[in-house]
Protein backbone atom coordinates (compact mmCIF):
# COMPACT_ATOMS: atom_id res chain seq x y z
CA MET A 1 -109.60 104.27 3.47
CA VAL A 2 -111.43 107.37 3.37
CA CYS A 3 -115.14 107.01 3.02
CA MET A 4 -116.41 109.83 0.78
CA VAL A 5 -119.71 111.13 1.51
CA SER A 6 -121.90 111.34 -1.29
CA ILE A 7 -124.93 114.32 -2.31
CA LYS A 8 -127.30 111.48 -1.74
CA THR A 9 -125.95 111.09 2.41
CA ILE A 10 -126.42 114.79 2.65
CA ALA A 11 -129.76 114.64 0.62
CA GLU A 12 -130.96 112.15 3.59
CA GLU A 13 -130.33 113.89 5.96
CA CYS A 14 -131.54 117.10 5.27
CA GLY A 15 -134.61 115.87 3.86
CA VAL A 16 -134.63 116.94 0.75
CA SER A 17 -133.96 115.66 -3.23
CA ILE A 18 -130.45 114.78 -4.63
CA ALA A 19 -131.55 117.51 -7.28
CA THR A 20 -131.59 120.06 -4.69
CA VAL A 21 -128.65 119.40 -3.22
CA SER A 22 -126.42 119.53 -6.24
CA LYS A 23 -127.96 122.57 -7.68
CA ALA A 24 -127.79 123.69 -3.92
CA LEU A 25 -123.95 122.95 -4.17
CA ASN A 26 -123.62 124.56 -7.60
CA ASN A 27 -125.74 127.89 -6.26
CA HIS A 28 -128.56 127.88 -8.37
CA SER A 29 -131.16 130.42 -8.45
CA ASP A 30 -133.91 128.04 -8.30
CA VAL A 31 -133.09 126.99 -4.85
CA SER A 32 -133.90 128.98 -1.95
CA SER A 33 -130.83 130.66 0.44
CA THR A 34 -132.46 128.86 3.21
CA THR A 35 -132.51 125.26 1.51
CA LYS A 36 -128.68 126.68 -0.21
CA LYS A 37 -127.42 127.26 3.64
CA LEU A 38 -128.95 123.82 4.97
CA VAL A 39 -127.27 121.80 1.99
CA CYS A 40 -124.11 123.43 2.58
CA ASP A 41 -123.90 123.75 6.23
CA THR A 42 -125.09 119.53 6.09
CA ALA A 43 -122.00 119.03 3.65
CA LYS A 44 -119.12 120.94 5.52
CA LYS A 45 -120.61 118.97 8.58
CA LEU A 46 -120.20 115.86 7.20
CA GLY A 47 -116.85 116.76 5.15
CA TYR A 48 -118.34 116.61 1.84
CA PHE A 49 -115.82 117.39 -1.18
CA PRO A 50 -117.15 117.15 -4.73
CA ASN A 51 -115.81 114.26 -6.69
CA ALA A 52 -113.72 115.96 -9.61
CA GLN A 53 -114.30 113.19 -11.93
CA ALA A 54 -117.86 112.87 -11.76
CA ARG A 55 -117.26 116.84 -12.15
CA ALA A 56 -115.09 116.86 -15.58
CA LEU A 57 -118.11 113.69 -16.87
CA LYS A 58 -120.53 116.53 -16.32
CA THR A 59 -118.52 119.60 -17.58
CA ASN A 60 -116.25 118.04 -19.84
CA LYS A 61 -113.52 120.17 -17.84
CA THR A 62 -111.35 118.61 -15.38
CA TYR A 63 -109.96 122.29 -14.27
CA ASN A 64 -106.21 120.66 -14.38
CA ILE A 65 -103.25 121.98 -16.28
CA GLY A 66 -100.27 119.96 -17.19
CA VAL A 67 -96.73 121.68 -16.80
CA LEU A 68 -93.95 120.41 -18.62
CA LEU A 69 -90.39 121.55 -16.79
CA GLN A 70 -88.00 119.14 -17.91
CA ASP A 71 -84.22 120.39 -19.62
CA LYS A 72 -81.13 118.40 -20.59
CA ALA A 73 -79.29 119.52 -17.02
CA HIS A 74 -82.59 118.40 -15.11
CA SER A 75 -82.74 121.79 -13.28
CA GLY A 76 -86.10 121.87 -13.13
CA LEU A 77 -87.53 123.74 -10.01
CA THR A 78 -83.85 125.02 -8.89
CA HIS A 79 -83.65 127.34 -12.20
CA SER A 80 -83.93 130.56 -10.75
CA TYR A 81 -86.00 132.02 -14.17
CA PHE A 82 -88.49 129.22 -14.75
CA SER A 83 -89.12 128.45 -11.24
CA ALA A 84 -90.05 132.34 -10.92
CA VAL A 85 -91.96 132.08 -14.14
CA LEU A 86 -94.05 128.82 -12.79
CA ASP A 87 -95.13 130.45 -9.77
CA SER A 88 -96.20 133.55 -11.29
CA PHE A 89 -97.98 131.20 -14.07
CA ARG A 90 -99.42 128.91 -11.19
CA VAL A 91 -101.05 132.19 -8.75
CA GLU A 92 -102.83 133.28 -11.59
CA VAL A 93 -104.33 129.69 -13.26
CA GLU A 94 -105.10 129.18 -9.53
CA LYS A 95 -107.02 132.29 -9.10
CA ASN A 96 -109.36 130.73 -12.02
CA GLY A 97 -109.41 127.75 -10.42
CA TYR A 98 -107.35 125.22 -12.09
CA ASP A 99 -104.39 122.81 -10.75
CA ILE A 100 -101.09 122.16 -11.57
CA THR A 101 -100.17 118.58 -12.53
CA PHE A 102 -96.77 117.92 -13.29
CA ILE A 103 -96.25 116.10 -16.10
CA CYS A 104 -93.53 113.48 -16.30
CA GLY A 105 -92.98 109.89 -18.13
CA LYS A 106 -93.89 107.49 -15.82
CA ILE A 107 -96.80 106.74 -13.74
CA GLY A 108 -96.55 103.89 -10.79
CA GLY A 109 -93.47 102.19 -12.51
CA ASN A 110 -95.08 102.22 -16.04
CA GLU A 111 -93.13 104.44 -18.73
CA MET A 112 -95.32 106.29 -20.59
CA SER A 113 -94.95 109.33 -23.06
CA TYR A 114 -95.91 112.97 -21.81
CA TYR A 115 -99.17 112.87 -24.21
CA GLU A 116 -100.02 109.96 -22.72
CA HIS A 117 -99.75 111.09 -19.37
CA CYS A 118 -101.67 114.16 -19.88
CA MET A 119 -104.37 112.17 -21.44
CA TYR A 120 -104.09 110.06 -18.52
CA ARG A 121 -104.68 112.84 -16.13
CA SER A 122 -107.01 114.20 -18.98
CA VAL A 123 -105.64 117.62 -18.33
CA ASP A 124 -107.62 120.32 -20.15
CA GLY A 125 -104.02 122.18 -21.14
CA ILE A 126 -100.80 122.14 -21.22
CA LEU A 127 -97.56 125.08 -20.35
CA ALA A 128 -94.29 123.48 -21.38
CA ALA A 129 -90.98 125.61 -20.22
CA CYS A 130 -87.35 124.64 -20.14
CA VAL A 131 -87.50 121.73 -21.82
CA ASP A 132 -85.32 120.21 -25.02
CA PHE A 133 -88.04 121.41 -27.25
CA CYS A 134 -85.98 118.73 -30.23
CA ASP A 135 -87.24 116.16 -28.18
CA SER A 136 -90.06 113.78 -30.64
CA GLU A 137 -92.46 113.54 -27.36
CA ILE A 138 -91.92 116.95 -26.76
CA ALA A 139 -93.27 117.55 -30.90
CA GLU A 140 -96.01 114.91 -30.30
CA LEU A 141 -97.52 117.53 -27.47
CA MET A 142 -97.06 120.56 -29.50
CA LYS A 143 -99.38 118.62 -32.66
CA CYS A 144 -102.28 117.17 -30.39
CA ASP A 145 -105.28 118.80 -29.53
CA ILE A 146 -105.04 119.59 -26.46
CA PRO A 147 -104.17 123.81 -25.46
CA LEU A 148 -101.07 124.63 -25.32
CA VAL A 149 -98.58 127.11 -24.74
CA THR A 150 -94.65 127.23 -24.76
CA ILE A 151 -92.04 129.65 -23.07
CA ASP A 152 -88.99 130.70 -25.19
CA TYR A 153 -89.74 128.74 -28.21
CA GLN A 154 -91.80 129.85 -31.03
CA ALA A 155 -93.21 127.28 -33.56
CA GLU A 156 -95.56 127.60 -36.33
CA GLY A 157 -99.29 127.27 -34.44
CA VAL A 158 -98.19 127.18 -31.12
CA CYS A 159 -98.18 129.88 -28.88
CA SER A 160 -95.38 131.11 -27.18
CA VAL A 161 -94.33 133.94 -24.36
CA SER A 162 -91.01 134.93 -24.79
CA SER A 163 -88.57 137.16 -22.92
CA ASP A 164 -87.26 139.98 -25.46
CA ASN A 165 -83.54 137.93 -25.56
CA VAL A 166 -82.52 140.26 -28.31
CA ILE A 167 -83.01 143.49 -27.28
CA GLY A 168 -81.58 142.04 -23.62
CA ILE A 169 -78.20 141.38 -25.15
CA ARG A 170 -78.54 144.80 -26.71
CA LYS A 171 -78.75 146.75 -24.27
CA ILE A 172 -75.53 145.44 -22.54
CA VAL A 173 -73.19 145.08 -25.68
CA GLU A 174 -74.21 149.10 -25.91
CA TYR A 175 -73.71 149.81 -22.51
CA ALA A 176 -70.09 147.99 -22.06
CA SER A 177 -69.40 149.75 -25.58
CA GLU A 178 -70.80 153.34 -23.91
CA CYS A 179 -68.32 152.67 -21.10
CA GLY A 180 -65.28 152.36 -23.32
CA HIS A 181 -65.51 148.99 -23.70
CA GLN A 182 -64.13 147.17 -27.50
CA LYS A 183 -62.69 143.74 -26.04
CA ILE A 184 -66.40 142.42 -25.44
CA ALA A 185 -66.40 138.53 -24.82
CA TYR A 186 -69.73 136.70 -24.31
CA ILE A 187 -69.93 132.88 -23.08
CA TYR A 188 -72.93 131.93 -24.38
CA GLY A 189 -75.60 129.04 -23.12
CA GLU A 190 -76.72 125.45 -25.13
CA SER A 191 -77.86 125.41 -28.69
CA SER A 192 -81.55 126.76 -28.00
CA GLN A 193 -83.74 129.00 -30.06
CA VAL A 194 -82.81 131.65 -27.02
CA THR A 195 -79.37 131.39 -27.44
CA THR A 196 -79.08 131.93 -31.48
CA MET A 197 -81.35 135.37 -30.92
CA ARG A 198 -79.01 136.17 -28.09
CA LEU A 199 -76.04 135.17 -30.07
CA ASN A 200 -77.04 137.12 -33.27
CA SER A 201 -78.08 140.02 -31.26
CA TYR A 202 -74.31 139.96 -29.89
CA LEU A 203 -72.89 139.89 -33.54
CA ASP A 204 -74.89 142.39 -34.78
CA THR A 205 -75.05 144.99 -32.05
CA MET A 206 -70.90 144.66 -32.25
CA LYS A 207 -71.17 145.23 -36.30
CA ARG A 208 -73.46 148.31 -35.35
CA LEU A 209 -70.65 149.55 -33.52
CA GLY A 210 -67.97 149.14 -35.33
CA ILE A 211 -66.57 146.35 -32.34
CA GLN A 212 -64.69 143.58 -33.92
CA VAL A 213 -65.64 140.34 -32.98
CA GLN A 214 -62.49 138.12 -31.17
CA PRO A 215 -62.44 134.61 -31.96
CA ASP A 216 -60.89 133.70 -28.70
CA TYR A 217 -63.82 135.76 -27.15
CA LEU A 218 -66.59 134.06 -28.34
CA ARG A 219 -67.29 130.51 -26.27
CA GLN A 220 -69.85 128.14 -25.35
CA GLY A 221 -70.60 127.13 -21.70
CA LYS A 222 -73.49 125.99 -20.24
CA TYR A 223 -76.99 127.68 -18.91
CA HIS A 224 -77.47 127.28 -14.85
CA ASP A 225 -73.60 126.16 -14.65
CA VAL A 226 -71.04 127.22 -12.28
CA ASP A 227 -68.37 125.16 -12.64
CA SER A 228 -67.84 125.36 -17.23
CA VAL A 229 -68.20 129.16 -16.81
CA HIS A 230 -65.73 129.18 -14.07
CA LYS A 231 -63.84 127.37 -16.52
CA ILE A 232 -64.21 129.21 -19.48
CA THR A 233 -63.14 132.26 -17.39
CA ALA A 234 -60.13 131.11 -16.01
CA GLU A 235 -59.13 130.02 -19.64
CA MET A 236 -59.77 133.75 -21.10
CA LEU A 237 -58.29 135.34 -17.79
CA THR A 238 -54.84 133.75 -19.15
CA LEU A 239 -55.14 135.36 -22.70
CA TYR A 240 -52.17 137.65 -24.02
CA ASP A 241 -54.88 140.22 -25.25
CA ARG A 242 -57.61 139.00 -22.86
CA PRO A 243 -61.25 141.08 -22.79
CA THR A 244 -61.79 143.66 -20.41
CA PHE A 245 -66.00 143.00 -20.24
CA ILE A 246 -67.26 139.44 -20.42
CA ILE A 247 -70.87 138.72 -20.93
CA LEU A 248 -72.02 135.57 -18.73
CA PRO A 249 -75.26 132.83 -20.07
CA ASP A 250 -77.07 133.94 -16.93
CA ASP A 251 -76.50 135.77 -13.46
CA PHE A 252 -76.54 132.20 -11.97
CA ALA A 253 -73.32 131.04 -13.65
CA ALA A 254 -72.45 134.37 -13.51
CA ILE A 255 -71.01 133.01 -9.96
CA GLY A 256 -68.41 130.86 -11.75
CA ALA A 257 -67.29 133.98 -13.82
CA LEU A 258 -66.69 136.15 -9.99
CA ASN A 259 -64.79 133.10 -8.68
CA ALA A 260 -62.84 132.45 -11.82
CA ALA A 261 -61.42 136.30 -11.24
CA LYS A 262 -60.80 135.94 -7.80
CA GLU A 263 -58.97 133.35 -7.83
CA ALA A 264 -56.49 134.71 -10.38
CA GLY A 265 -56.24 137.53 -8.68
CA VAL A 266 -58.59 139.66 -11.07
CA ARG A 267 -60.48 142.32 -9.63
CA ILE A 268 -63.81 143.02 -10.10
CA PRO A 269 -64.81 145.87 -11.81
CA GLU A 270 -61.35 147.37 -11.55
CA ASP A 271 -59.89 144.94 -13.89
CA LEU A 272 -62.87 142.72 -15.45
CA SER A 273 -66.24 143.99 -16.32
CA ILE A 274 -68.66 141.18 -16.20
CA ALA A 275 -72.15 141.01 -17.34
CA GLY A 276 -74.99 138.34 -16.14
CA TYR A 277 -78.64 137.63 -17.72
CA ASP A 278 -81.96 137.29 -15.88
CA GLY A 279 -81.91 139.69 -13.32
CA ILE A 280 -82.41 137.20 -10.07
CA LYS A 281 -82.70 138.52 -6.89
CA MET A 282 -79.42 136.73 -5.37
CA THR A 283 -76.78 138.78 -7.57
CA GLN A 284 -78.46 142.26 -6.57
CA LEU A 285 -78.01 141.73 -3.05
CA MET A 286 -73.72 140.36 -3.47
CA LYS A 287 -71.04 143.01 -3.50
CA PRO A 288 -70.71 144.35 -6.18
CA ALA A 289 -74.51 143.62 -7.48
CA LEU A 290 -74.34 142.42 -11.04
CA THR A 291 -74.74 144.30 -13.80
CA THR A 292 -77.67 142.52 -15.50
CA PHE A 293 -80.59 142.06 -17.96
CA GLU A 294 -83.97 141.51 -15.89
CA GLN A 295 -86.02 139.64 -17.33
CA ASP A 296 -89.37 139.87 -16.50
CA THR A 297 -91.06 136.81 -14.99
CA TYR A 298 -93.73 137.70 -13.14
CA LYS A 299 -95.50 139.40 -16.60
CA ILE A 300 -94.13 136.18 -18.50
CA GLY A 301 -95.54 133.05 -16.17
CA ARG A 302 -98.92 135.70 -16.26
CA THR A 303 -99.55 136.29 -19.89
CA ALA A 304 -98.78 132.29 -20.65
CA ALA A 305 -101.80 131.83 -17.98
CA GLU A 306 -103.76 134.18 -19.65
CA ILE A 307 -102.89 132.78 -23.04
CA LEU A 308 -103.36 129.28 -22.01
CA LEU A 309 -106.91 129.95 -20.22
CA LYS A 310 -107.89 131.79 -23.24
CA ARG A 311 -107.52 128.46 -25.30
CA ILE A 312 -108.82 126.40 -22.78
CA ARG A 313 -112.12 127.92 -23.05
CA LYS A 314 -112.17 128.44 -26.61
CA GLU A 315 -111.53 132.25 -26.86
CA ASP A 316 -109.86 134.42 -29.89
CA ILE A 317 -106.37 134.50 -29.70
CA SER A 318 -104.87 138.16 -30.73
CA GLU A 319 -102.05 137.81 -33.14
CA SER A 320 -99.76 139.34 -30.98
CA GLU A 321 -100.79 136.75 -28.41
CA LYS A 322 -99.84 133.53 -30.93
CA SER A 323 -95.99 134.57 -30.21
CA ALA A 324 -96.13 137.54 -27.02
CA LEU A 325 -92.73 138.91 -26.59
CA ILE A 326 -92.48 140.66 -23.10
CA SER A 327 -89.78 143.26 -22.49
CA GLY A 328 -87.75 143.55 -19.52
CA ASN A 329 -85.19 146.00 -18.22
CA PHE A 330 -81.21 146.38 -17.82
CA ILE A 331 -79.54 147.06 -14.52
CA LYS A 332 -76.31 148.45 -14.44
CA GLY A 333 -75.19 146.98 -10.97
CA ALA A 334 -71.70 147.63 -9.84
CA THR A 335 -69.77 145.20 -11.95
CA VAL A 336 -68.25 147.33 -15.31
CA LYS A 337 -66.13 149.75 -15.45
CA ASN A 338 -66.52 152.79 -17.28
CA ILE A 339 -62.69 153.06 -18.60
């Protein structure tokens, strides 16, 4: 067992009071620089670490943020988009002196709700991303008093940061039309708020451009799932009047479409044009580079951190910050043919 060094031990070693040690370690102005150096050097020599629980009692803060990253597919940190968002979030909160704890439903073999876990860890705030927002436990978190920010989910009374999904799909459909495509298919992801916004944007843009939506061209797949997109793409390629352009749920799932096309002897983009969504680096290194809409994961994560820290500090939140919308960047790539 590790023996924790107390400030009493440091005080005895330095020949000063416990109060002086506490002030020196917290850089108070009423302690001389000489005493501060003596105390800090002694603390370092003895291997002193401040007690987090004691600090929490004194400041009413644990400097710990709970992160909920759990979806139905259990992709979590393997999900290219959400892992990039989380990394940006982590960098920003760590700059402000906060740690991150991943929230789950079990501690030491004991089952507990997400809310109970947050209370057990005494988190100062919560980031909820890549989760099933229809889950009753998530609903409980959104109603509790702990400051919370969601990623890609808007709800009354909850601060959210979202990518501009409407603009993203609109840009892809408009580019397809500019390249002469009229047979534009869309394989969308599982039911969610993001999916609804993207699907509505596809339908609205197609209508505005005067392009008919073919029932066989509109299919539900799964996000971040190569196999489901592979299967649907293969089926679309067997249609008598098959699409010339297919929009995929995301860049990772687009690999399934590329594989299906290759197996069917269909060339990309000579025989079939495709576009993904997310703008992950891997698909930009492929040949041909994937046409896609790049989500600004850095800005999404950083903005979520800034808003959550404001909420923790009880600072005013502007109307735009309550439902922050982050724009992205359309990448033309090389998987679309101008016909």
